[in-house]
PDB file of all heavy atoms in Angstrom:
ATOM      1  N   ALA A   1     -16.841  75.776  -5.393  1.00  0.00           N
ATOM      2  CA  ALA A   1     -17.749  76.475  -4.479  1.00  0.00           C
ATOM      3  C   ALA A   1     -17.836  75.784  -3.124  1.00  0.00           C
ATOM      4  O   ALA A   1     -18.619  76.207  -2.271  1.00  0.00           O
ATOM      5  CB  ALA A   1     -19.143  76.553  -5.102  1.00  0.00           C
ATOM      6  N   ASN A   2     -17.038  74.752  -2.911  1.00  0.00           N
ATOM      7  CA  ASN A   2     -17.093  73.975  -1.677  1.00  0.00           C
ATOM      8  C   ASN A   2     -15.904  74.289  -0.779  1.00  0.00           C
ATOM      9  O   ASN A   2     -14.804  74.571  -1.264  1.00  0.00           O
ATOM     10  CB  ASN A   2     -17.110  72.476  -1.994  1.00  0.00           C
ATOM     11  CG  ASN A   2     -18.301  72.083  -2.845  1.00  0.00           C
ATOM     12  OD1 ASN A   2     -19.410  72.592  -2.645  1.00  0.00           O
ATOM     13  ND2 ASN A   2     -18.086  71.181  -3.795  1.00  0.00           N
ATOM     14  N   VAL A   3     -16.126  74.200   0.534  1.00  0.00           N
ATOM     15  CA  VAL A   3     -15.065  74.342   1.526  1.00  0.00           C
ATOM     16  C   VAL A   3     -14.603  72.941   1.915  1.00  0.00           C
ATOM     17  O   VAL A   3     -15.398  72.138   2.385  1.00  0.00           O
ATOM     18  CB  VAL A   3     -15.548  75.118   2.761  1.00  0.00           C
ATOM     19  CG1 VAL A   3     -14.424  75.216   3.789  1.00  0.00           C
ATOM     20  CG2 VAL A   3     -16.037  76.501   2.373  1.00  0.00           C
ATOM     21  N   CYS A   4     -13.327  72.650   1.716  1.00  0.00           N
ATOM     22  CA  CYS A   4     -12.772  71.327   1.986  1.00  0.00           C
ATOM     23  C   CYS A   4     -11.797  71.399   3.158  1.00  0.00           C
ATOM     24  O   CYS A   4     -11.148  72.426   3.372  1.00  0.00           O
ATOM     25  CB  CYS A   4     -12.062  70.762   0.756  1.00  0.00           C
ATOM     26  SG  CYS A   4     -13.133  70.583  -0.687  1.00  0.00           S
ATOM     27  N   GLU A   5     -11.711  70.319   3.886  1.00  0.00           N
ATOM     28  CA  GLU A   5     -10.801  70.234   5.036  1.00  0.00           C
ATOM     29  C   GLU A   5     -10.033  68.926   4.970  1.00  0.00           C
ATOM     30  O   GLU A   5     -10.615  67.864   4.751  1.00  0.00           O
ATOM     31  CB  GLU A   5     -11.597  70.315   6.341  1.00  0.00           C
ATOM     32  CG  GLU A   5     -10.729  70.288   7.597  1.00  0.00           C
ATOM     33  CD  GLU A   5     -11.535  70.440   8.862  1.00  0.00           C
ATOM     34  OE1 GLU A   5     -12.644  71.013   8.796  1.00  0.00           O
ATOM     35  OE2 GLU A   5     -11.064  69.973   9.916  1.00  0.00           O
ATOM     36  N   ASP A   6      -8.715  68.991   5.136  1.00  0.00           N
ATOM     37  CA  ASP A   6      -7.863  67.805   5.059  1.00  0.00           C
ATOM     38  C   ASP A   6      -6.749  67.910   6.093  1.00  0.00           C
ATOM     39  O   ASP A   6      -6.440  69.006   6.583  1.00  0.00           O
ATOM     40  CB  ASP A   6      -7.228  67.655   3.672  1.00  0.00           C
ATOM     41  CG  ASP A   6      -8.204  67.147   2.644  1.00  0.00           C
ATOM     42  OD1 ASP A   6      -8.769  66.056   2.873  1.00  0.00           O
ATOM     43  OD2 ASP A   6      -8.435  67.825   1.624  1.00  0.00           O
ATOM     44  N   LEU A   7      -6.154  66.756   6.392  1.00  0.00           N
ATOM     45  CA  LEU A   7      -4.952  66.715   7.220  1.00  0.00           C
ATOM     46  C   LEU A   7      -3.763  67.103   6.352  1.00  0.00           C
ATOM     47  O   LEU A   7      -3.463  66.429   5.362  1.00  0.00           O
ATOM     48  CB  LEU A   7      -4.757  65.321   7.805  1.00  0.00           C
ATOM     49  CG  LEU A   7      -3.463  65.088   8.594  1.00  0.00           C
ATOM     50  CD1 LEU A   7      -3.432  65.938   9.846  1.00  0.00           C
ATOM     51  CD2 LEU A   7      -3.318  63.617   8.950  1.00  0.00           C
ATOM     52  N   LEU A   8      -3.088  68.206   6.685  1.00  0.00           N
ATOM     53  CA  LEU A   8      -1.974  68.668   5.869  1.00  0.00           C
ATOM     54  C   LEU A   8      -0.702  67.902   6.183  1.00  0.00           C
ATOM     55  O   LEU A   8      -0.031  67.398   5.285  1.00  0.00           O
ATOM     56  CB  LEU A   8      -1.760  70.173   6.092  1.00  0.00           C
ATOM     57  CG  LEU A   8      -0.721  70.846   5.191  1.00  0.00           C
ATOM     58  CD1 LEU A   8      -1.093  70.675   3.724  1.00  0.00           C
ATOM     59  CD2 LEU A   8      -0.570  72.317   5.535  1.00  0.00           C
ATOM     60  N   PHE A   9      -0.337  67.786   7.463  1.00  0.00           N
ATOM     61  CA  PHE A   9       0.841  67.003   7.830  1.00  0.00           C
ATOM     62  C   PHE A   9       0.784  66.651   9.309  1.00  0.00           C
ATOM     63  O   PHE A   9       0.014  67.234  10.086  1.00  0.00           O
ATOM     64  CB  PHE A   9       2.146  67.746   7.512  1.00  0.00           C
ATOM     65  CG  PHE A   9       2.377  68.993   8.329  1.00  0.00           C
ATOM     66  CD1 PHE A   9       2.874  68.923   9.616  1.00  0.00           C
ATOM     67  CD2 PHE A   9       2.096  70.247   7.805  1.00  0.00           C
ATOM     68  CE1 PHE A   9       3.089  70.063  10.375  1.00  0.00           C
ATOM     69  CE2 PHE A   9       2.315  71.396   8.549  1.00  0.00           C
ATOM     70  CZ  PHE A   9       2.808  71.300   9.832  1.00  0.00           C
ATOM     71  N   CYS A  10       1.607  65.688   9.674  1.00  0.00           N
ATOM     72  CA  CYS A  10       1.810  65.290  11.068  1.00  0.00           C
ATOM     73  C   CYS A  10       3.302  65.064  11.243  1.00  0.00           C
ATOM     74  O   CYS A  10       3.845  64.083  10.730  1.00  0.00           O
ATOM     75  CB  CYS A  10       1.005  64.047  11.402  1.00  0.00           C
ATOM     76  SG  CYS A  10       1.232  63.467  13.101  1.00  0.00           S
ATOM     77  N   LYS A  11       3.975  65.960  11.944  1.00  0.00           N
ATOM     78  CA  LYS A  11       5.421  65.928  12.079  1.00  0.00           C
ATOM     79  C   LYS A  11       5.817  65.686  13.537  1.00  0.00           C
ATOM     80  O   LYS A  11       5.188  66.205  14.467  1.00  0.00           O
ATOM     81  CB  LYS A  11       6.041  67.264  11.619  1.00  0.00           C
ATOM     82  CG  LYS A  11       5.772  67.613  10.157  1.00  0.00           C
ATOM     83  CD  LYS A  11       6.590  66.754   9.228  1.00  0.00           C
ATOM     84  CE  LYS A  11       6.447  67.215   7.786  1.00  0.00           C
ATOM     85  NZ  LYS A  11       7.244  66.380   6.865  1.00  0.00           N
ATOM     86  N   GLU A  12       6.870  64.890  13.704  1.00  0.00           N
ATOM     87  CA  GLU A  12       7.370  64.620  15.048  1.00  0.00           C
ATOM     88  C   GLU A  12       8.133  65.829  15.579  1.00  0.00           C
ATOM     89  O   GLU A  12       8.921  66.450  14.860  1.00  0.00           O
ATOM     90  CB  GLU A  12       8.281  63.397  15.042  1.00  0.00           C
ATOM     91  CG  GLU A  12       8.769  62.997  16.425  1.00  0.00           C
ATOM     92  CD  GLU A  12       9.630  61.758  16.405  1.00  0.00           C
ATOM     93  OE1 GLU A  12       9.820  61.198  15.307  1.00  0.00           O
ATOM     94  OE2 GLU A  12      10.120  61.355  17.474  1.00  0.00           O
ATOM     95  N   MET A  13       7.903  66.152  16.848  1.00  0.00           N
ATOM     96  CA  MET A  13       8.579  67.275  17.493  1.00  0.00           C
ATOM     97  C   MET A  13       9.805  66.737  18.222  1.00  0.00           C
ATOM     98  O   MET A  13       9.687  66.176  19.311  1.00  0.00           O
ATOM     99  CB  MET A  13       7.620  67.981  18.450  1.00  0.00           C
ATOM    100  CG  MET A  13       6.409  68.603  17.762  1.00  0.00           C
ATOM    101  SD  MET A  13       5.122  69.118  18.920  1.00  0.00           S
ATOM    102  CE  MET A  13       6.062  70.145  20.037  1.00  0.00           C
ATOM    103  N   THR A  14      10.952  66.895  17.608  1.00  0.00           N
ATOM    104  CA  THR A  14      12.187  66.380  18.200  1.00  0.00           C
ATOM    105  C   THR A  14      12.789  67.357  19.199  1.00  0.00           C
ATOM    106  O   THR A  14      13.531  66.947  20.092  1.00  0.00           O
ATOM    107  CB  THR A  14      13.212  66.085  17.101  1.00  0.00           C
ATOM    108  OG1 THR A  14      13.426  67.271  16.313  1.00  0.00           O
ATOM    109  CG2 THR A  14      12.710  64.974  16.178  1.00  0.00           C
ATOM    110  N   ASP A  15      12.498  68.637  19.058  1.00  0.00           N
ATOM    111  CA  ASP A  15      13.031  69.652  19.974  1.00  0.00           C
ATOM    112  C   ASP A  15      11.995  69.968  21.052  1.00  0.00           C
ATOM    113  O   ASP A  15      11.058  69.205  21.278  1.00  0.00           O
ATOM    114  CB  ASP A  15      13.415  70.917  19.200  1.00  0.00           C
ATOM    115  CG  ASP A  15      14.528  70.642  18.190  1.00  0.00           C
ATOM    116  OD1 ASP A  15      15.368  69.776  18.473  1.00  0.00           O
ATOM    117  OD2 ASP A  15      14.537  71.286  17.128  1.00  0.00           O
ATOM    118  N   THR A  16      12.153  71.103  21.685  1.00  0.00           N
ATOM    119  CA  THR A  16      11.210  71.534  22.710  1.00  0.00           C
ATOM    120  C   THR A  16       9.917  72.002  22.049  1.00  0.00           C
ATOM    121  O   THR A  16       9.834  72.123  20.829  1.00  0.00           O
ATOM    122  CB  THR A  16      11.810  72.675  23.549  1.00  0.00           C
ATOM    123  OG1 THR A  16      12.081  73.802  22.685  1.00  0.00           O
ATOM    124  CG2 THR A  16      13.098  72.231  24.206  1.00  0.00           C
ATOM    125  N   GLY A  17       8.920  72.274  22.884  1.00  0.00           N
ATOM    126  CA  GLY A  17       7.638  72.731  22.371  1.00  0.00           C
ATOM    127  C   GLY A  17       7.518  74.235  22.331  1.00  0.00           C
ATOM    128  O   GLY A  17       6.404  74.774  22.415  1.00  0.00           O
ATOM    129  N   LYS A  18       8.649  74.939  22.195  1.00  0.00           N
ATOM    130  CA  LYS A  18       8.608  76.398  22.124  1.00  0.00           C
ATOM    131  C   LYS A  18       8.011  76.847  20.798  1.00  0.00           C
ATOM    132  O   LYS A  18       7.978  76.105  19.819  1.00  0.00           O
ATOM    133  CB  LYS A  18      10.014  76.971  22.288  1.00  0.00           C
ATOM    134  CG  LYS A  18      10.637  76.705  23.650  1.00  0.00           C
ATOM    135  CD  LYS A  18      12.020  77.320  23.737  1.00  0.00           C
ATOM    136  CE  LYS A  18      12.656  77.073  25.100  1.00  0.00           C
ATOM    137  NZ  LYS A  18      14.029  77.640  25.185  1.00  0.00           N
ATOM    138  N   ALA A  19       7.559  78.103  20.784  1.00  0.00           N
ATOM    139  CA  ALA A  19       6.925  78.639  19.585  1.00  0.00           C
ATOM    140  C   ALA A  19       7.874  78.633  18.392  1.00  0.00           C
ATOM    141  O   ALA A  19       7.477  78.340  17.264  1.00  0.00           O
ATOM    142  CB  ALA A  19       6.418  80.061  19.851  1.00  0.00           C
ATOM    143  N   SER A  20       9.146  78.938  18.650  1.00  0.00           N
ATOM    144  CA  SER A  20      10.122  78.973  17.549  1.00  0.00           C
ATOM    145  C   SER A  20      10.319  77.593  16.933  1.00  0.00           C
ATOM    146  O   SER A  20      10.450  77.456  15.710  1.00  0.00           O
ATOM    147  CB  SER A  20      11.458  79.521  18.052  1.00  0.00           C
ATOM    148  OG  SER A  20      11.943  78.734  19.145  1.00  0.00           O
ATOM    149  N   ASP A  21      10.320  76.542  17.779  1.00  0.00           N
ATOM    150  CA  ASP A  21      10.470  75.180  17.261  1.00  0.00           C
ATOM    151  C   ASP A  21       9.248  74.760  16.449  1.00  0.00           C
ATOM    152  O   ASP A  21       9.376  74.123  15.394  1.00  0.00           O
ATOM    153  CB  ASP A  21      10.696  74.202  18.407  1.00  0.00           C
ATOM    154  CG  ASP A  21      11.965  74.511  19.188  1.00  0.00           C
ATOM    155  OD1 ASP A  21      12.929  74.983  18.566  1.00  0.00           O
ATOM    156  OD2 ASP A  21      11.980  74.292  20.413  1.00  0.00           O
ATOM    157  N   LEU A  22       8.057  75.112  16.950  1.00  0.00           N
ATOM    158  CA  LEU A  22       6.837  74.773  16.213  1.00  0.00           C
ATOM    159  C   LEU A  22       6.791  75.500  14.877  1.00  0.00           C
ATOM    160  O   LEU A  22       6.426  74.909  13.843  1.00  0.00           O
ATOM    161  CB  LEU A  22       5.603  75.128  17.054  1.00  0.00           C
ATOM    162  CG  LEU A  22       5.479  74.448  18.424  1.00  0.00           C
ATOM    163  CD1 LEU A  22       4.243  74.928  19.146  1.00  0.00           C
ATOM    164  CD2 LEU A  22       5.432  72.939  18.260  1.00  0.00           C
ATOM    165  N   PHE A  23       7.172  76.768  14.888  1.00  0.00           N
ATOM    166  CA  PHE A  23       7.141  77.540  13.641  1.00  0.00           C
ATOM    167  C   PHE A  23       8.166  77.008  12.647  1.00  0.00           C
ATOM    168  O   PHE A  23       7.913  76.997  11.431  1.00  0.00           O
ATOM    169  CB  PHE A  23       7.419  79.014  13.941  1.00  0.00           C
ATOM    170  CG  PHE A  23       7.441  79.870  12.703  1.00  0.00           C
ATOM    171  CD1 PHE A  23       6.257  80.212  12.058  1.00  0.00           C
ATOM    172  CD2 PHE A  23       8.641  80.329  12.175  1.00  0.00           C
ATOM    173  CE1 PHE A  23       6.273  80.989  10.909  1.00  0.00           C
ATOM    174  CE2 PHE A  23       8.661  81.105  11.033  1.00  0.00           C
ATOM    175  CZ  PHE A  23       7.480  81.441  10.407  1.00  0.00           C
ATOM    176  N   ALA A  24       9.320  76.539  13.135  1.00  0.00           N
ATOM    177  CA  ALA A  24      10.340  75.993  12.236  1.00  0.00           C
ATOM    178  C   ALA A  24       9.813  74.760  11.505  1.00  0.00           C
ATOM    179  O   ALA A  24      10.090  74.567  10.306  1.00  0.00           O
ATOM    180  CB  ALA A  24      11.606  75.650  13.023  1.00  0.00           C
ATOM    181  N   ILE A  25       9.038  73.914  12.199  1.00  0.00           N
ATOM    182  CA  ILE A  25       8.464  72.725  11.563  1.00  0.00           C
ATOM    183  C   ILE A  25       7.481  73.127  10.470  1.00  0.00           C
ATOM    184  O   ILE A  25       7.513  72.599   9.343  1.00  0.00           O
ATOM    185  CB  ILE A  25       7.771  71.844  12.614  1.00  0.00           C
ATOM    186  CG1 ILE A  25       8.798  71.310  13.621  1.00  0.00           C
ATOM    187  CG2 ILE A  25       7.026  70.686  11.952  1.00  0.00           C
ATOM    188  CD1 ILE A  25       8.180  70.551  14.782  1.00  0.00           C
ATOM    189  N   ILE A  26       6.615  74.086  10.781  1.00  0.00           N
ATOM    190  CA  ILE A  26       5.599  74.505   9.809  1.00  0.00           C
ATOM    191  C   ILE A  26       6.249  75.212   8.629  1.00  0.00           C
ATOM    192  O   ILE A  26       5.932  74.948   7.458  1.00  0.00           O
ATOM    193  CB  ILE A  26       4.563  75.426  10.491  1.00  0.00           C
ATOM    194  CG1 ILE A  26       3.944  74.723  11.698  1.00  0.00           C
ATOM    195  CG2 ILE A  26       3.471  75.827   9.508  1.00  0.00           C
ATOM    196  CD1 ILE A  26       3.103  75.632  12.569  1.00  0.00           C
ATOM    197  N   ASP A  27       7.182  76.121   8.909  1.00  0.00           N
ATOM    198  CA  ASP A  27       7.808  76.905   7.845  1.00  0.00           C
ATOM    199  C   ASP A  27       8.621  76.017   6.899  1.00  0.00           C
ATOM    200  O   ASP A  27       8.601  76.219   5.675  1.00  0.00           O
ATOM    201  CB  ASP A  27       8.708  77.978   8.469  1.00  0.00           C
ATOM    202  CG  ASP A  27       9.215  78.973   7.444  1.00  0.00           C
ATOM    203  OD1 ASP A  27       8.392  79.474   6.651  1.00  0.00           O
ATOM    204  OD2 ASP A  27      10.432  79.240   7.428  1.00  0.00           O
ATOM    205  N   SER A  28       9.316  75.016   7.440  1.00  0.00           N
ATOM    206  CA  SER A  28      10.090  74.119   6.569  1.00  0.00           C
ATOM    207  C   SER A  28       9.167  73.327   5.653  1.00  0.00           C
ATOM    208  O   SER A  28       9.492  73.099   4.485  1.00  0.00           O
ATOM    209  CB  SER A  28      10.947  73.179   7.418  1.00  0.00           C
ATOM    210  OG  SER A  28      10.127  72.337   8.222  1.00  0.00           O
ATOM    211  N   TYR A  29       8.006  72.912   6.177  1.00  0.00           N
ATOM    212  CA  TYR A  29       7.065  72.185   5.322  1.00  0.00           C
ATOM    213  C   TYR A  29       6.536  73.093   4.212  1.00  0.00           C
ATOM    214  O   TYR A  29       6.402  72.665   3.058  1.00  0.00           O
ATOM    215  CB  TYR A  29       5.906  71.651   6.166  1.00  0.00           C
ATOM    216  CG  TYR A  29       4.839  70.954   5.347  1.00  0.00           C
ATOM    217  CD1 TYR A  29       4.975  69.611   5.017  1.00  0.00           C
ATOM    218  CD2 TYR A  29       3.717  71.629   4.901  1.00  0.00           C
ATOM    219  CE1 TYR A  29       4.024  68.963   4.259  1.00  0.00           C
ATOM    220  CE2 TYR A  29       2.747  70.995   4.140  1.00  0.00           C
ATOM    221  CZ  TYR A  29       2.906  69.660   3.828  1.00  0.00           C
ATOM    222  OH  TYR A  29       1.949  69.032   3.063  1.00  0.00           O
ATOM    223  N   MET A  30       6.223  74.339   4.543  1.00  0.00           N
ATOM    224  CA  MET A  30       5.715  75.272   3.534  1.00  0.00           C
ATOM    225  C   MET A  30       6.746  75.509   2.434  1.00  0.00           C
ATOM    226  O   MET A  30       6.417  75.560   1.244  1.00  0.00           O
ATOM    227  CB  MET A  30       5.335  76.602   4.209  1.00  0.00           C
ATOM    228  CG  MET A  30       4.208  76.506   5.214  1.00  0.00           C
ATOM    229  SD  MET A  30       2.639  76.022   4.468  1.00  0.00           S
ATOM    230  CE  MET A  30       1.523  76.200   5.849  1.00  0.00           C
ATOM    231  N   LYS A  31       8.016  75.628   2.831  1.00  0.00           N
ATOM    232  CA  LYS A  31       9.066  75.864   1.836  1.00  0.00           C
ATOM    233  C   LYS A  31       9.300  74.641   0.965  1.00  0.00           C
ATOM    234  O   LYS A  31       9.504  74.759  -0.245  1.00  0.00           O
ATOM    235  CB  LYS A  31      10.362  76.269   2.539  1.00  0.00           C
ATOM    236  CG  LYS A  31      10.308  77.652   3.187  1.00  0.00           C
ATOM    237  CD  LYS A  31      11.610  77.982   3.901  1.00  0.00           C
ATOM    238  CE  LYS A  31      11.559  79.357   4.541  1.00  0.00           C
ATOM    239  NZ  LYS A  31      12.802  79.670   5.294  1.00  0.00           N
ATOM    240  N   GLU A  32       9.272  73.454   1.572  1.00  0.00           N
ATOM    241  CA  GLU A  32       9.497  72.233   0.798  1.00  0.00           C
ATOM    242  C   GLU A  32       8.434  72.028  -0.269  1.00  0.00           C
ATOM    243  O   GLU A  32       8.727  71.514  -1.352  1.00  0.00           O
ATOM    244  CB  GLU A  32       9.523  71.022   1.734  1.00  0.00           C
ATOM    245  CG  GLU A  32      10.753  70.950   2.633  1.00  0.00           C
ATOM    246  CD  GLU A  32      10.652  69.821   3.643  1.00  0.00           C
ATOM    247  OE1 GLU A  32       9.644  69.064   3.566  1.00  0.00           O
ATOM    248  OE2 GLU A  32      11.556  69.700   4.489  1.00  0.00           O
ATOM    249  N   ASN A  33       7.202  72.423   0.028  1.00  0.00           N
ATOM    250  CA  ASN A  33       6.096  72.192  -0.897  1.00  0.00           C
ATOM    251  C   ASN A  33       5.664  73.448  -1.650  1.00  0.00           C
ATOM    252  O   ASN A  33       4.633  73.425  -2.338  1.00  0.00           O
ATOM    253  CB  ASN A  33       4.893  71.623  -0.128  1.00  0.00           C
ATOM    254  CG  ASN A  33       5.172  70.262   0.462  1.00  0.00           C
ATOM    255  OD1 ASN A  33       5.043  69.245  -0.207  1.00  0.00           O
ATOM    256  ND2 ASN A  33       5.569  70.235   1.727  1.00  0.00           N
ATOM    257  N   ASN A  34       6.456  74.537  -1.505  1.00  0.00           N
ATOM    258  CA  ASN A  34       6.186  75.784  -2.240  1.00  0.00           C
ATOM    259  C   ASN A  34       4.771  76.314  -1.982  1.00  0.00           C
ATOM    260  O   ASN A  34       4.061  76.738  -2.905  1.00  0.00           O
ATOM    261  CB  ASN A  34       6.401  75.585  -3.741  1.00  0.00           C
ATOM    262  CG  ASN A  34       7.842  75.268  -4.086  1.00  0.00           C
ATOM    263  OD1 ASN A  34       8.759  75.831  -3.497  1.00  0.00           O
ATOM    264  ND2 ASN A  34       8.055  74.360  -5.022  1.00  0.00           N
TER     265      ASN A  34
END
């Protein structure tokens, strides 16, 4: 019944800061951890 908040990940941005690059970092993490 509680709402919890945590740090999910902190990833280094090796490419540009475009939306596609940011989404690639997030999507790869989601796939790795199912």
